């Protein structure tokens, strides 16, 4: 018998990988500022001021310190 929930979840688009700077951490939950100015909260180990990768509310690891540029196509 097929797993209907898994089949349904496979139809959903993958969660995007975002990068941002940790503003502060309270109780293991970090508030991360994204390049566009939006703030997201994510679980995981991080310290204020570090750049991190965030996906689906979880910190996936440290991100490199690169210059952010935006272009319109």
N, C-alpha and C. Protein backbone atom coordinates (compact mmCIF):
# COMPACT_ATOMS: atom_id res chain seq x y z
N UNK A 1 0.84 -1.17 0.00
CA UNK A 1 0.00 0.00 0.00
C UNK A 1 0.90 1.24 0.00
N UNK A 2 0.67 2.18 -0.92
CA UNK A 2 1.54 3.36 -1.00
C UNK A 2 1.28 4.31 0.18
N UNK A 3 2.31 5.06 0.53
CA UNK A 3 2.21 6.05 1.60
C UNK A 3 1.67 7.34 0.98
N UNK A 4 0.39 7.62 1.21
CA UNK A 4 -0.25 8.78 0.60
C UNK A 4 0.33 10.09 1.11
N UNK A 5 0.70 10.15 2.39
CA UNK A 5 1.29 11.37 2.93
C UNK A 5 2.61 11.68 2.24
N UNK A 6 3.45 10.67 2.06
CA UNK A 6 4.73 10.89 1.39
C UNK A 6 4.52 11.33 -0.05
N UNK A 7 3.56 10.75 -0.73
CA UNK A 7 3.27 11.15 -2.10
C UNK A 7 2.80 12.60 -2.16
N UNK A 8 1.97 13.00 -1.18
CA UNK A 8 1.51 14.38 -1.12
C UNK A 8 2.68 15.33 -0.85
N UNK A 9 3.54 14.98 0.09
CA UNK A 9 4.69 15.84 0.43
C UNK A 9 5.66 15.95 -0.74
N UNK A 10 5.77 14.92 -1.55
CA UNK A 10 6.64 14.96 -2.72
C UNK A 10 6.14 15.96 -3.76
N UNK A 11 4.86 16.30 -3.71
CA UNK A 11 4.29 17.29 -4.63
C UNK A 11 4.63 18.72 -4.22
N UNK A 12 4.96 18.91 -2.95
CA UNK A 12 5.27 20.24 -2.43
C UNK A 12 6.66 20.69 -2.92
N UNK A 13 6.84 22.00 -3.20
CA UNK A 13 8.17 22.45 -3.58
C UNK A 13 9.12 22.37 -2.39
N UNK A 14 10.41 22.18 -2.64
CA UNK A 14 11.37 22.11 -1.54
C UNK A 14 11.47 23.46 -0.83
N UNK A 15 11.78 23.41 0.45
CA UNK A 15 11.94 24.63 1.25
C UNK A 15 13.22 25.35 0.80
N UNK A 16 13.17 26.68 0.65
CA UNK A 16 14.35 27.41 0.19
C UNK A 16 15.43 27.50 1.27
N UNK A 17 16.67 27.53 0.84
CA UNK A 17 17.81 27.74 1.73
C UNK A 17 18.11 29.23 1.72
N UNK A 18 18.02 29.87 2.90
CA UNK A 18 18.24 31.31 3.01
C UNK A 18 19.50 31.56 3.81
N UNK A 19 20.06 32.74 3.63
CA UNK A 19 21.24 33.14 4.39
C UNK A 19 20.94 34.46 5.07
N UNK A 20 21.42 34.62 6.29
CA UNK A 20 21.18 35.85 7.02
C UNK A 20 22.14 36.00 8.18
N UNK A 21 22.01 37.11 8.88
CA UNK A 21 22.87 37.42 10.02
C UNK A 21 22.08 37.28 11.30
N UNK A 22 22.64 36.58 12.28
CA UNK A 22 21.97 36.39 13.57
C UNK A 22 21.99 37.72 14.32
N UNK A 23 20.80 38.20 14.68
CA UNK A 23 20.69 39.44 15.45
C UNK A 23 20.86 39.15 16.94
N UNK A 24 20.13 38.17 17.44
CA UNK A 24 20.25 37.78 18.84
C UNK A 24 19.70 36.37 19.02
N UNK A 25 20.06 35.75 20.16
CA UNK A 25 19.63 34.39 20.48
C UNK A 25 19.04 34.40 21.89
N UNK A 26 17.83 33.86 22.02
CA UNK A 26 17.19 33.75 23.32
C UNK A 26 16.64 32.34 23.46
N UNK A 27 17.12 31.61 24.45
CA UNK A 27 16.62 30.27 24.72
C UNK A 27 16.78 29.30 23.58
N UNK A 28 17.85 29.36 22.81
CA UNK A 28 18.10 28.44 21.72
C UNK A 28 17.39 28.79 20.42
N UNK A 29 16.66 29.92 20.41
CA UNK A 29 15.99 30.38 19.20
C UNK A 29 16.66 31.66 18.74
N UNK A 30 17.18 31.64 17.53
CA UNK A 30 17.89 32.79 16.98
C UNK A 30 16.97 33.61 16.10
N UNK A 31 17.09 34.91 16.17
CA UNK A 31 16.39 35.80 15.26
C UNK A 31 17.41 36.19 14.19
N UNK A 32 17.09 35.85 12.94
CA UNK A 32 18.01 36.02 11.82
C UNK A 32 17.46 37.09 10.89
N UNK A 33 18.30 38.07 10.54
CA UNK A 33 17.91 39.12 9.61
C UNK A 33 18.39 38.74 8.22
N UNK A 34 17.43 38.66 7.29
CA UNK A 34 17.74 38.30 5.91
C UNK A 34 18.17 39.54 5.13
N UNK A 35 18.84 39.39 3.99
CA UNK A 35 19.34 40.54 3.24
C UNK A 35 18.27 41.55 2.85
N UNK A 36 17.04 41.13 2.61
CA UNK A 36 15.97 42.05 2.25
C UNK A 36 15.40 42.81 3.43
N UNK A 37 15.83 42.49 4.65
CA UNK A 37 15.35 43.16 5.85
C UNK A 37 14.37 42.34 6.66
N UNK A 38 13.87 41.24 6.12
CA UNK A 38 12.93 40.40 6.86
C UNK A 38 13.64 39.69 8.00
N UNK A 39 12.90 39.40 9.05
CA UNK A 39 13.43 38.69 10.21
C UNK A 39 12.74 37.34 10.31
N UNK A 40 13.51 36.29 10.54
CA UNK A 40 12.95 34.96 10.75
C UNK A 40 13.54 34.39 12.03
N UNK A 41 12.80 33.51 12.66
CA UNK A 41 13.30 32.83 13.85
C UNK A 41 13.65 31.40 13.48
N UNK A 42 14.77 30.92 14.02
CA UNK A 42 15.23 29.57 13.69
C UNK A 42 15.86 28.92 14.91
N UNK A 43 15.68 27.61 15.02
CA UNK A 43 16.29 26.84 16.10
C UNK A 43 17.69 26.42 15.68
N UNK A 44 18.58 26.33 16.66
CA UNK A 44 19.93 25.86 16.38
C UNK A 44 20.98 26.65 17.11
N UNK A 45 22.21 26.20 16.97
CA UNK A 45 23.34 26.84 17.64
C UNK A 45 23.90 27.95 16.78
N UNK A 46 23.93 29.15 17.34
CA UNK A 46 24.51 30.29 16.64
C UNK A 46 24.79 31.38 17.66
N UNK A 47 25.64 32.31 17.29
CA UNK A 47 25.95 33.46 18.14
C UNK A 47 25.60 34.73 17.38
N UNK A 48 25.29 35.77 18.11
CA UNK A 48 24.92 37.04 17.50
C UNK A 48 26.05 37.54 16.61
N UNK A 49 25.68 38.06 15.43
CA UNK A 49 26.66 38.61 14.50
C UNK A 49 27.16 37.63 13.46
N UNK A 50 26.89 36.34 13.61
CA UNK A 50 27.35 35.34 12.64
C UNK A 50 26.36 35.22 11.50
N UNK A 51 26.89 34.89 10.31
CA UNK A 51 26.03 34.62 9.15
C UNK A 51 25.77 33.11 9.13
N UNK A 52 24.51 32.75 8.89
CA UNK A 52 24.11 31.34 8.93
C UNK A 52 23.19 31.01 7.76
N UNK A 53 23.13 29.72 7.43
CA UNK A 53 22.15 29.20 6.49
C UNK A 53 20.93 28.76 7.29
N UNK A 54 19.72 29.13 6.81
CA UNK A 54 18.47 28.79 7.49
C UNK A 54 17.54 28.14 6.48
N UNK A 55 16.90 27.03 6.90
CA UNK A 55 15.90 26.38 6.06
C UNK A 55 14.80 25.84 6.97
N UNK A 56 13.57 26.24 6.68
CA UNK A 56 12.39 25.71 7.36
C UNK A 56 12.49 25.84 8.88
N UNK A 57 12.95 26.99 9.36
CA UNK A 57 12.98 27.25 10.80
C UNK A 57 14.12 26.61 11.55
N UNK A 58 15.15 26.14 10.84
CA UNK A 58 16.30 25.52 11.50
C UNK A 58 17.59 26.08 10.90
N UNK A 59 18.56 26.32 11.77
CA UNK A 59 19.88 26.77 11.31
C UNK A 59 20.64 25.54 10.83
N UNK A 60 21.09 25.58 9.57
CA UNK A 60 21.79 24.44 8.99
C UNK A 60 23.30 24.53 9.14
N UNK A 61 23.83 25.72 9.40
CA UNK A 61 25.26 25.85 9.58
C UNK A 61 25.73 27.26 9.28
N UNK A 62 27.03 27.47 9.44
CA UNK A 62 27.58 28.80 9.17
C UNK A 62 27.63 29.11 7.68
N UNK A 63 27.49 30.38 7.35
CA UNK A 63 27.55 30.84 5.96
C UNK A 63 28.79 31.71 5.78
N UNK A 64 29.35 31.75 4.59
CA UNK A 64 30.54 32.58 4.37
C UNK A 64 30.19 34.07 4.41
N UNK A 65 31.16 34.87 4.78
CA UNK A 65 31.00 36.33 4.84
C UNK A 65 31.27 36.90 3.45
N UNK A 66 30.23 36.99 2.63
CA UNK A 66 30.36 37.52 1.28
C UNK A 66 29.57 38.81 1.15
N UNK A 67 29.91 39.63 0.19
CA UNK A 67 29.19 40.88 -0.05
C UNK A 67 27.90 40.58 -0.77
N UNK A 68 26.80 41.16 -0.30
CA UNK A 68 25.48 40.94 -0.89
C UNK A 68 25.28 41.93 -2.02
N UNK A 69 24.90 41.42 -3.19
CA UNK A 69 24.54 42.29 -4.32
C UNK A 69 23.21 41.82 -4.87
N UNK A 70 22.43 42.77 -5.37
CA UNK A 70 21.12 42.45 -5.91
C UNK A 70 21.01 43.04 -7.30
N UNK A 71 20.46 42.28 -8.23
CA UNK A 71 20.29 42.75 -9.59
C UNK A 71 18.90 42.43 -10.09
N UNK A 72 18.42 43.23 -11.00
CA UNK A 72 17.11 43.01 -11.56
C UNK A 72 17.25 42.59 -13.01
N UNK A 73 16.50 41.57 -13.38
CA UNK A 73 16.57 41.04 -14.74
C UNK A 73 15.32 41.43 -15.49
